[in-house]
Amino acid sequence: MKNKSFNNLTTAIILFAFLIAVTSFAKANSISTSDEIAKAKKEGKAVFLVVTGNGVKDYSSAEKIAKDASLKKTKSVVIVLNKDDKANTEIVTKLGITGVSVPFLLVISPKGVPTAGYAPEQATAILLVNAVPSPKQDEALLALNEKRPVYIVVSKKSFKDKSGIISNCKSAVSKVSSKPSVIEIYFDDASEKNFLTQIGVTEISDKSIVVVANGKGQITETFKTAPTVEQLTTAANKVIKSGGCCPGGSSSGCGKK
């Protein structure tokens, strides 16, 4: 009887320990979709988000496109989000996908900014990959997403005027209530060529160029000589009634007046 009682007690202890281990494992691995997206941002990864809902029985085709895109893009991850799950209400609202028809594919930049969205029948892996912004473009998009102007300083390493321009930009930041972001780009940076083309900088001489966009994403000024603090301040606050474009956010008209 003693041995039987001992064996029963041992079995109970082992079972209890097993249940604790399983529960702990489940808690450690029950990461919400919002947490997954935040983790990707922390790790500097783009997200190919497959948006689904309670009425969607099959989203495999959308998921395949996302996975194919992830294979083509280093530092990216595929995440599936059920927009009808109440636990996801906050992130769905933040991403602006409350009213989208599902399934849906959304590209989120490494800095956490939604950059493009497609219905599965319109999407391709290449489209998704191309929607991931370059590092400097992502900085600009983040600022614009926060309704902040941007000062984009384009130069070469040999340019001596850059330090003075950066100093003026920082002084202008302190004078603009919406706190513009100062972004430095080397003209020879191959990864930024497309972005530079989009904001109208296709050539450079012996001086830095400063492109200013207001908080609405409109390019208000392009300075080809060192701008003053006052000029930078005015450009950041300027609103154009028509025309202009968001850096990287328009397929036409970028950099044109």
C-alpha atoms as a PDB file:
ATOM      1  CA  MET A   1       0.000   0.000   0.000  1.00  0.00           C
ATOM      2  CA  LYS A   2       2.827   2.386   0.861  1.00  0.00           C
ATOM      3  CA  ASN A   3       4.486   1.810  -2.491  1.00  0.00           C
ATOM      4  CA  LYS A   4       1.185   2.332  -4.279  1.00  0.00           C
ATOM      5  CA  SER A   5       0.558   5.593  -2.421  1.00  0.00           C
ATOM      6  CA  PHE A   6       4.107   6.708  -3.147  1.00  0.00           C
ATOM      7  CA  ASN A   7       3.671   5.904  -6.839  1.00  0.00           C
ATOM      8  CA  ASN A   8       0.344   7.779  -6.975  1.00  0.00           C
ATOM      9  CA  LEU A   9       1.927  10.807  -5.304  1.00  0.00           C
ATOM     10  CA  THR A  10       4.890  10.707  -7.695  1.00  0.00           C
ATOM     11  CA  THR A  11       2.566  10.485 -10.687  1.00  0.00           C
ATOM     12  CA  ALA A  12       0.521  13.428  -9.395  1.00  0.00           C
ATOM     13  CA  ILE A  13       3.646  15.560  -8.926  1.00  0.00           C
ATOM     14  CA  ILE A  14       4.912  14.722 -12.414  1.00  0.00           C
ATOM     15  CA  LEU A  15       1.496  15.490 -13.937  1.00  0.00           C
ATOM     16  CA  PHE A  16       1.275  18.795 -12.045  1.00  0.00           C
ATOM     17  CA  ALA A  17       4.767  19.781 -13.210  1.00  0.00           C
ATOM     18  CA  PHE A  18       3.840  18.848 -16.773  1.00  0.00           C
ATOM     19  CA  LEU A  19       0.704  21.003 -16.677  1.00  0.00           C
ATOM     20  CA  ILE A  20       2.705  23.971 -15.366  1.00  0.00           C
ATOM     21  CA  ALA A  21       5.264  23.518 -18.126  1.00  0.00           C
ATOM     22  CA  VAL A  22       2.580  23.302 -20.808  1.00  0.00           C
ATOM     23  CA  THR A  23       0.791  26.389 -19.456  1.00  0.00           C
ATOM     24  CA  SER A  24       4.040  28.362 -19.291  1.00  0.00           C
ATOM     25  CA  PHE A  25       4.927  27.318 -22.833  1.00  0.00           C
ATOM     26  CA  ALA A  26       1.502  28.348 -24.100  1.00  0.00           C
ATOM     27  CA  LYS A  27       1.744  31.760 -22.413  1.00  0.00           C
ATOM     28  CA  ALA A  28       5.231  32.308 -23.764  1.00  0.00           C
ATOM     29  CA  ASN A  29       4.082  31.478 -27.273  1.00  0.00           C
ATOM     30  CA  SER A  30       0.673  33.200 -27.286  1.00  0.00           C
ATOM     31  CA  ILE A  31       1.959  36.327 -29.025  1.00  0.00           C
ATOM     32  CA  SER A  32      -0.761  38.652 -30.310  1.00  0.00           C
ATOM     33  CA  THR A  33      -0.734  39.931 -33.872  1.00  0.00           C
ATOM     34  CA  SER A  34      -0.010  43.417 -32.570  1.00  0.00           C
ATOM     35  CA  ASP A  35       2.994  42.057 -30.671  1.00  0.00           C
ATOM     36  CA  GLU A  36       4.215  40.240 -33.779  1.00  0.00           C
ATOM     37  CA  ILE A  37       4.089  43.475 -35.788  1.00  0.00           C
ATOM     38  CA  ALA A  38       5.842  45.365 -32.973  1.00  0.00           C
ATOM     39  CA  LYS A  39       8.509  42.652 -32.843  1.00  0.00           C
ATOM     40  CA  ALA A  40       9.093  42.939 -36.596  1.00  0.00           C
ATOM     41  CA  LYS A  41       9.480  46.714 -36.251  1.00  0.00           C
ATOM     42  CA  LYS A  42      11.953  46.293 -33.418  1.00  0.00           C
ATOM     43  CA  GLU A  43      13.984  43.900 -35.562  1.00  0.00           C
ATOM     44  CA  GLY A  44      13.844  46.228 -38.581  1.00  0.00           C
ATOM     45  CA  LYS A  45      11.788  43.832 -40.687  1.00  0.00           C
ATOM     46  CA  ALA A  46       9.160  44.622 -43.298  1.00  0.00           C
ATOM     47  CA  VAL A  47       5.798  42.907 -42.792  1.00  0.00           C
ATOM     48  CA  PHE A  48       3.678  41.322 -45.489  1.00  0.00           C
ATOM     49  CA  LEU A  49       0.365  41.261 -43.644  1.00  0.00           C
ATOM     50  CA  VAL A  50      -2.372  38.862 -44.733  1.00  0.00           C
ATOM     51  CA  VAL A  51      -5.632  40.393 -43.534  1.00  0.00           C
ATOM     52  CA  THR A  52      -8.511  37.989 -43.123  1.00  0.00           C
ATOM     53  CA  GLY A  53     -11.822  37.887 -41.249  1.00  0.00           C
ATOM     54  CA  ASN A  54     -14.361  35.607 -39.640  1.00  0.00           C
ATOM     55  CA  GLY A  55     -16.212  34.999 -42.919  1.00  0.00           C
ATOM     56  CA  VAL A  56     -13.128  34.061 -44.900  1.00  0.00           C
ATOM     57  CA  LYS A  57     -12.825  30.318 -45.397  1.00  0.00           C
ATOM     58  CA  ASP A  58      -9.714  30.331 -47.564  1.00  0.00           C
ATOM     59  CA  TYR A  59      -6.938  32.906 -47.740  1.00  0.00           C
ATOM     60  CA  SER A  60      -4.241  30.520 -48.964  1.00  0.00           C
ATOM     61  CA  SER A  61      -3.700  32.351 -52.259  1.00  0.00           C
ATOM     62  CA  ALA A  62      -3.076  35.641 -50.450  1.00  0.00           C
ATOM     63  CA  GLU A  63      -0.755  33.942 -47.986  1.00  0.00           C
ATOM     64  CA  LYS A  64       1.209  32.324 -50.820  1.00  0.00           C
ATOM     65  CA  ILE A  65       1.808  35.705 -52.470  1.00  0.00           C
ATOM     66  CA  ALA A  66       3.001  37.096 -49.144  1.00  0.00           C
ATOM     67  CA  LYS A  67       5.320  34.146 -48.566  1.00  0.00           C
ATOM     68  CA  ASP A  68       6.745  34.428 -52.089  1.00  0.00           C
ATOM     69  CA  ALA A  69       7.414  38.121 -51.440  1.00  0.00           C
ATOM     70  CA  SER A  70       9.129  37.313 -48.159  1.00  0.00           C
ATOM     71  CA  LEU A  71      11.437  34.867 -49.932  1.00  0.00           C
ATOM     72  CA  LYS A  72      12.480  37.678 -52.277  1.00  0.00           C
ATOM     73  CA  LYS A  73      12.932  40.289 -49.539  1.00  0.00           C
ATOM     74  CA  THR A  74      15.529  39.858 -46.828  1.00  0.00           C
ATOM     75  CA  LYS A  75      14.522  40.978 -43.354  1.00  0.00           C
ATOM     76  CA  SER A  76      10.811  40.487 -43.865  1.00  0.00           C
ATOM     77  CA  VAL A  77       8.110  38.387 -42.249  1.00  0.00           C
ATOM     78  CA  VAL A  78       4.599  37.165 -43.092  1.00  0.00           C
ATOM     79  CA  ILE A  79       1.898  37.737 -40.483  1.00  0.00           C
ATOM     80  CA  VAL A  80      -1.787  36.773 -40.649  1.00  0.00           C
ATOM     81  CA  LEU A  81      -4.322  39.085 -38.974  1.00  0.00           C
ATOM     82  CA  ASN A  82      -8.022  38.446 -38.365  1.00  0.00           C
ATOM     83  CA  LYS A  83      -9.467  41.952 -38.443  1.00  0.00           C
ATOM     84  CA  ASP A  84     -12.741  40.757 -36.878  1.00  0.00           C
ATOM     85  CA  ASP A  85     -11.017  39.491 -33.751  1.00  0.00           C
ATOM     86  CA  LYS A  86     -11.758  42.001 -30.963  1.00  0.00           C
ATOM     87  CA  ALA A  87      -8.218  41.532 -29.681  1.00  0.00           C
ATOM     88  CA  ASN A  88      -7.006  43.129 -32.921  1.00  0.00           C
ATOM     89  CA  THR A  89      -9.324  46.162 -32.884  1.00  0.00           C
ATOM     90  CA  GLU A  90      -6.609  48.625 -31.891  1.00  0.00           C
ATOM     91  CA  ILE A  91      -4.044  47.519 -34.488  1.00  0.00           C
ATOM     92  CA  VAL A  92      -6.726  47.303 -37.212  1.00  0.00           C
ATOM     93  CA  THR A  93      -7.729  50.910 -36.497  1.00  0.00           C
ATOM     94  CA  LYS A  94      -4.107  52.038 -36.352  1.00  0.00           C
ATOM     95  CA  LEU A  95      -3.349  50.456 -39.735  1.00  0.00           C
ATOM     96  CA  GLY A  96      -6.497  51.941 -41.285  1.00  0.00           C
ATOM     97  CA  ILE A  97      -7.865  48.634 -42.564  1.00  0.00           C
ATOM     98  CA  THR A  98     -11.217  48.576 -40.757  1.00  0.00           C
ATOM     99  CA  GLY A  99     -13.257  48.733 -43.954  1.00  0.00           C
ATOM    100  CA  VAL A 100     -11.126  46.717 -46.374  1.00  0.00           C
ATOM    101  CA  SER A 101     -12.604  43.704 -48.140  1.00  0.00           C
ATOM    102  CA  VAL A 102     -10.891  40.523 -47.022  1.00  0.00           C
ATOM    103  CA  PRO A 103      -8.680  38.750 -47.760  1.00  0.00           C
ATOM    104  CA  PHE A 104      -6.336  41.694 -48.239  1.00  0.00           C
ATOM    105  CA  LEU A 105      -2.576  42.165 -48.440  1.00  0.00           C
ATOM    106  CA  LEU A 106      -0.925  45.069 -46.627  1.00  0.00           C
ATOM    107  CA  VAL A 107       2.747  46.034 -46.743  1.00  0.00           C
ATOM    108  CA  ILE A 108       4.169  47.538 -43.558  1.00  0.00           C
ATOM    109  CA  SER A 109       7.602  49.163 -43.639  1.00  0.00           C
ATOM    110  CA  PRO A 110      10.405  48.253 -41.217  1.00  0.00           C
ATOM    111  CA  LYS A 111       9.520  51.405 -39.259  1.00  0.00           C
ATOM    112  CA  GLY A 112       5.910  50.295 -38.948  1.00  0.00           C
ATOM    113  CA  VAL A 113       4.316  52.479 -41.637  1.00  0.00           C
ATOM    114  CA  PRO A 114       1.641  50.977 -43.962  1.00  0.00           C
ATOM    115  CA  THR A 115       2.863  51.670 -47.500  1.00  0.00           C
ATOM    116  CA  ALA A 116       0.591  49.740 -49.885  1.00  0.00           C
ATOM    117  CA  GLY A 117      -2.404  47.440 -49.940  1.00  0.00           C
ATOM    118  CA  TYR A 118      -3.802  45.064 -52.528  1.00  0.00           C
ATOM    119  CA  ALA A 119      -6.609  42.611 -53.107  1.00  0.00           C
ATOM    120  CA  PRO A 120      -5.064  39.155 -53.784  1.00  0.00           C
ATOM    121  CA  GLU A 121      -6.203  39.179 -57.426  1.00  0.00           C
ATOM    122  CA  GLN A 122      -4.286  42.433 -57.979  1.00  0.00           C
ATOM    123  CA  ALA A 123      -1.162  41.524 -56.042  1.00  0.00           C
ATOM    124  CA  THR A 124       2.092  39.865 -57.010  1.00  0.00           C
ATOM    125  CA  ALA A 125       5.160  39.098 -54.948  1.00  0.00           C
ATOM    126  CA  ILE A 126       7.140  41.734 -56.869  1.00  0.00           C
ATOM    127  CA  LEU A 127       4.493  44.389 -56.196  1.00  0.00           C
ATOM    128  CA  LEU A 128       4.724  43.699 -52.482  1.00  0.00           C
ATOM    129  CA  VAL A 129       8.522  43.751 -52.497  1.00  0.00           C
ATOM    130  CA  ASN A 130       8.608  47.025 -54.443  1.00  0.00           C
ATOM    131  CA  ALA A 131       6.254  48.586 -51.897  1.00  0.00           C
ATOM    132  CA  VAL A 132       8.882  48.233 -49.168  1.00  0.00           C
ATOM    133  CA  PRO A 133      10.595  51.648 -48.922  1.00  0.00           C
ATOM    134  CA  SER A 134      14.320  52.285 -48.856  1.00  0.00           C
ATOM    135  CA  PRO A 135      15.767  53.139 -45.414  1.00  0.00           C
ATOM    136  CA  LYS A 136      15.772  56.919 -45.958  1.00  0.00           C
ATOM    137  CA  GLN A 137      12.390  56.855 -47.639  1.00  0.00           C
ATOM    138  CA  ASP A 138      11.093  54.960 -44.628  1.00  0.00           C
ATOM    139  CA  GLU A 139      12.386  57.729 -42.347  1.00  0.00           C
ATOM    140  CA  ALA A 140      10.490  60.267 -44.441  1.00  0.00           C
ATOM    141  CA  LEU A 141       7.317  58.180 -44.474  1.00  0.00           C
ATOM    142  CA  LEU A 142       7.455  57.761 -40.703  1.00  0.00           C
ATOM    143  CA  ALA A 143       7.670  61.537 -40.193  1.00  0.00           C
ATOM    144  CA  LEU A 144       4.858  62.179 -42.669  1.00  0.00           C
ATOM    145  CA  ASN A 145       2.753  59.487 -41.041  1.00  0.00           C
ATOM    146  CA  GLU A 146       3.130  61.516 -37.845  1.00  0.00           C
ATOM    147  CA  LYS A 147       2.162  64.700 -39.740  1.00  0.00           C
ATOM    148  CA  ARG A 148       5.682  66.121 -39.409  1.00  0.00           C
ATOM    149  CA  PRO A 149       7.527  67.973 -42.198  1.00  0.00           C
ATOM    150  CA  VAL A 150      10.840  66.665 -43.525  1.00  0.00           C
ATOM    151  CA  TYR A 151      14.101  68.309 -44.517  1.00  0.00           C
ATOM    152  CA  ILE A 152      15.884  65.978 -46.935  1.00  0.00           C
ATOM    153  CA  VAL A 153      19.524  66.957 -47.368  1.00  0.00           C
ATOM    154  CA  VAL A 154      21.129  65.352 -50.424  1.00  0.00           C
ATOM    155  CA  SER A 155      24.915  65.641 -50.703  1.00  0.00           C
ATOM    156  CA  LYS A 156      28.179  63.851 -51.343  1.00  0.00           C
ATOM    157  CA  LYS A 157      30.836  62.999 -48.775  1.00  0.00           C
ATOM    158  CA  SER A 158      33.173  65.578 -50.282  1.00  0.00           C
ATOM    159  CA  PHE A 159      30.725  68.472 -49.961  1.00  0.00           C
ATOM    160  CA  LYS A 160      31.780  71.081 -47.405  1.00  0.00           C
ATOM    161  CA  ASP A 161      28.454  72.908 -47.257  1.00  0.00           C
ATOM    162  CA  LYS A 162      26.610  69.995 -45.672  1.00  0.00           C
ATOM    163  CA  SER A 163      27.484  70.690 -42.024  1.00  0.00           C
ATOM    164  CA  GLY A 164      26.233  74.277 -42.243  1.00  0.00           C
ATOM    165  CA  ILE A 165      23.003  73.161 -43.909  1.00  0.00           C
ATOM    166  CA  ILE A 166      22.385  70.503 -41.275  1.00  0.00           C
ATOM    167  CA  SER A 167      22.977  73.127 -38.585  1.00  0.00           C
ATOM    168  CA  ASN A 168      20.405  75.426 -40.195  1.00  0.00           C
ATOM    169  CA  CYS A 169      17.931  72.560 -40.501  1.00  0.00           C
ATOM    170  CA  LYS A 170      18.277  71.770 -36.801  1.00  0.00           C
ATOM    171  CA  SER A 171      17.773  75.427 -35.923  1.00  0.00           C
ATOM    172  CA  ALA A 172      14.649  75.490 -38.100  1.00  0.00           C
ATOM    173  CA  VAL A 173      13.317  72.386 -36.341  1.00  0.00           C
ATOM    174  CA  SER A 174      13.268  74.298 -33.052  1.00  0.00           C
ATOM    175  CA  LYS A 175      11.135  77.010 -34.689  1.00  0.00           C
ATOM    176  CA  VAL A 176       8.510  74.731 -36.239  1.00  0.00           C
ATOM    177  CA  SER A 177       5.865  73.427 -33.835  1.00  0.00           C
ATOM    178  CA  SER A 178       5.379  70.165 -35.729  1.00  0.00           C
ATOM    179  CA  LYS A 179       9.083  69.308 -35.315  1.00  0.00           C
ATOM    180  CA  PRO A 180      10.372  68.375 -38.790  1.00  0.00           C
ATOM    181  CA  SER A 181      12.617  65.384 -39.321  1.00  0.00           C
ATOM    182  CA  VAL A 182      16.091  65.974 -40.786  1.00  0.00           C
ATOM    183  CA  ILE A 183      17.092  63.222 -43.225  1.00  0.00           C
ATOM    184  CA  GLU A 184      20.556  62.984 -44.771  1.00  0.00           C
ATOM    185  CA  ILE A 185      21.098  61.106 -48.039  1.00  0.00           C
ATOM    186  CA  TYR A 186      24.280  60.608 -50.040  1.00  0.00           C
ATOM    187  CA  PHE A 187      23.549  61.056 -53.735  1.00  0.00           C
ATOM    188  CA  ASP A 188      25.749  58.052 -54.549  1.00  0.00           C
ATOM    189  CA  ASP A 189      23.760  55.692 -52.309  1.00  0.00           C
ATOM    190  CA  ALA A 190      22.419  53.160 -54.817  1.00  0.00           C
ATOM    191  CA  SER A 191      19.686  51.984 -52.435  1.00  0.00           C
ATOM    192  CA  GLU A 192      18.166  55.483 -52.436  1.00  0.00           C
ATOM    193  CA  LYS A 193      18.219  56.182 -56.193  1.00  0.00           C
ATOM    194  CA  ASN A 194      14.525  55.481 -56.718  1.00  0.00           C
ATOM    195  CA  PHE A 195      13.574  57.665 -53.764  1.00  0.00           C
ATOM    196  CA  LEU A 196      15.774  60.501 -54.987  1.00  0.00           C
ATOM    197  CA  THR A 197      14.148  60.262 -58.418  1.00  0.00           C
ATOM    198  CA  GLN A 198      10.700  60.399 -56.825  1.00  0.00           C
ATOM    199  CA  ILE A 199      11.535  63.641 -55.024  1.00  0.00           C
ATOM    200  CA  GLY A 200      13.042  65.175 -58.147  1.00  0.00           C
ATOM    201  CA  VAL A 201      16.759  64.839 -57.410  1.00  0.00           C
ATOM    202  CA  THR A 202      18.275  63.165 -60.463  1.00  0.00           C
ATOM    203  CA  GLU A 203      21.539  65.076 -60.644  1.00  0.00           C
ATOM    204  CA  ILE A 204      23.767  67.110 -58.374  1.00  0.00           C
ATOM    205  CA  SER A 205      26.637  69.515 -59.027  1.00  0.00           C
ATOM    206  CA  ASP A 206      29.028  70.686 -56.338  1.00  0.00           C
ATOM    207  CA  LYS A 207      26.501  71.760 -53.718  1.00  0.00           C
ATOM    208  CA  SER A 208      24.025  69.985 -51.489  1.00  0.00           C
ATOM    209  CA  ILE A 209      20.339  70.012 -52.344  1.00  0.00           C
ATOM    210  CA  VAL A 210      17.592  70.386 -49.737  1.00  0.00           C
ATOM    211  CA  VAL A 211      14.093  69.106 -50.464  1.00  0.00           C
ATOM    212  CA  VAL A 212      11.391  70.225 -48.049  1.00  0.00           C
ATOM    213  CA  ALA A 213       8.013  68.532 -47.637  1.00  0.00           C
ATOM    214  CA  ASN A 214       5.317  69.817 -45.294  1.00  0.00           C
ATOM    215  CA  GLY A 215       3.369  67.643 -42.856  1.00  0.00           C
ATOM    216  CA  LYS A 216       0.812  66.875 -45.563  1.00  0.00           C
ATOM    217  CA  GLY A 217       3.514  65.328 -47.735  1.00  0.00           C
ATOM    218  CA  GLN A 218       3.616  68.161 -50.259  1.00  0.00           C
ATOM    219  CA  ILE A 219       7.045  69.140 -51.570  1.00  0.00           C
ATOM    220  CA  THR A 220       7.086  72.877 -50.925  1.00  0.00           C
ATOM    221  CA  GLU A 221      10.671  73.824 -51.856  1.00  0.00           C
ATOM    222  CA  THR A 222      13.802  72.412 -53.446  1.00  0.00           C
ATOM    223  CA  PHE A 223      16.882  74.451 -52.526  1.00  0.00           C
ATOM    224  CA  LYS A 224      19.978  74.072 -54.703  1.00  0.00           C
ATOM    225  CA  THR A 225      21.952  76.527 -52.598  1.00  0.00           C
ATOM    226  CA  ALA A 226      22.224  76.579 -48.809  1.00  0.00           C
ATOM    227  CA  PRO A 227      18.868  77.784 -47.399  1.00  0.00           C
ATOM    228  CA  THR A 228      18.588  80.088 -44.413  1.00  0.00           C
ATOM    229  CA  VAL A 229      16.837  79.098 -41.201  1.00  0.00           C
ATOM    230  CA  GLU A 230      13.990  81.445 -42.112  1.00  0.00           C
ATOM    231  CA  GLN A 231      13.598  79.873 -45.567  1.00  0.00           C
ATOM    232  CA  LEU A 232      13.524  76.379 -44.080  1.00  0.00           C
ATOM    233  CA  THR A 233      10.964  77.425 -41.473  1.00  0.00           C
ATOM    234  CA  THR A 234       8.722  79.001 -44.100  1.00  0.00           C
ATOM    235  CA  ALA A 235       8.985  75.974 -46.385  1.00  0.00           C
ATOM    236  CA  ALA A 236       8.018  73.541 -43.614  1.00  0.00           C
ATOM    237  CA  ASN A 237       4.869  75.559 -42.829  1.00  0.00           C
ATOM    238  CA  LYS A 238       3.915  76.235 -46.438  1.00  0.00           C
ATOM    239  CA  VAL A 239       0.789  74.564 -47.844  1.00  0.00           C
ATOM    240  CA  ILE A 240       0.276  74.111 -51.573  1.00  0.00           C
ATOM    241  CA  LYS A 241      -3.348  74.278 -52.743  1.00  0.00           C
ATOM    242  CA  SER A 242      -2.736  71.820 -55.564  1.00  0.00           C
ATOM    243  CA  GLY A 243       0.146  69.763 -56.923  1.00  0.00           C
ATOM    244  CA  GLY A 244       3.212  68.684 -54.968  1.00  0.00           C
ATOM    245  CA  CYS A 245       3.601  65.188 -53.630  1.00  0.00           C
ATOM    246  CA  CYS A 246       4.548  63.066 -50.696  1.00  0.00           C
ATOM    247  CA  PRO A 247       8.108  61.690 -50.918  1.00  0.00           C
ATOM    248  CA  GLY A 248       7.625  58.183 -52.228  1.00  0.00           C
ATOM    249  CA  GLY A 249       3.864  58.431 -51.900  1.00  0.00           C
ATOM    250  CA  SER A 250       2.928  59.418 -55.424  1.00  0.00           C
ATOM    251  CA  SER A 251       3.481  57.755 -58.758  1.00  0.00           C
ATOM    252  CA  SER A 252       3.441  61.031 -60.662  1.00  0.00           C
ATOM    253  CA  GLY A 253       4.354  64.646 -60.232  1.00  0.00           C
ATOM    254  CA  CYS A 254       7.126  64.123 -57.677  1.00  0.00           C
ATOM    255  CA  GLY A 255       9.513  66.974 -57.552  1.00  0.00           C
ATOM    256  CA  LYS A 256       7.578  68.927 -60.153  1.00  0.00           C
ATOM    257  CA  LYS A 257       6.055  72.335 -59.587  1.00  0.00           C
END
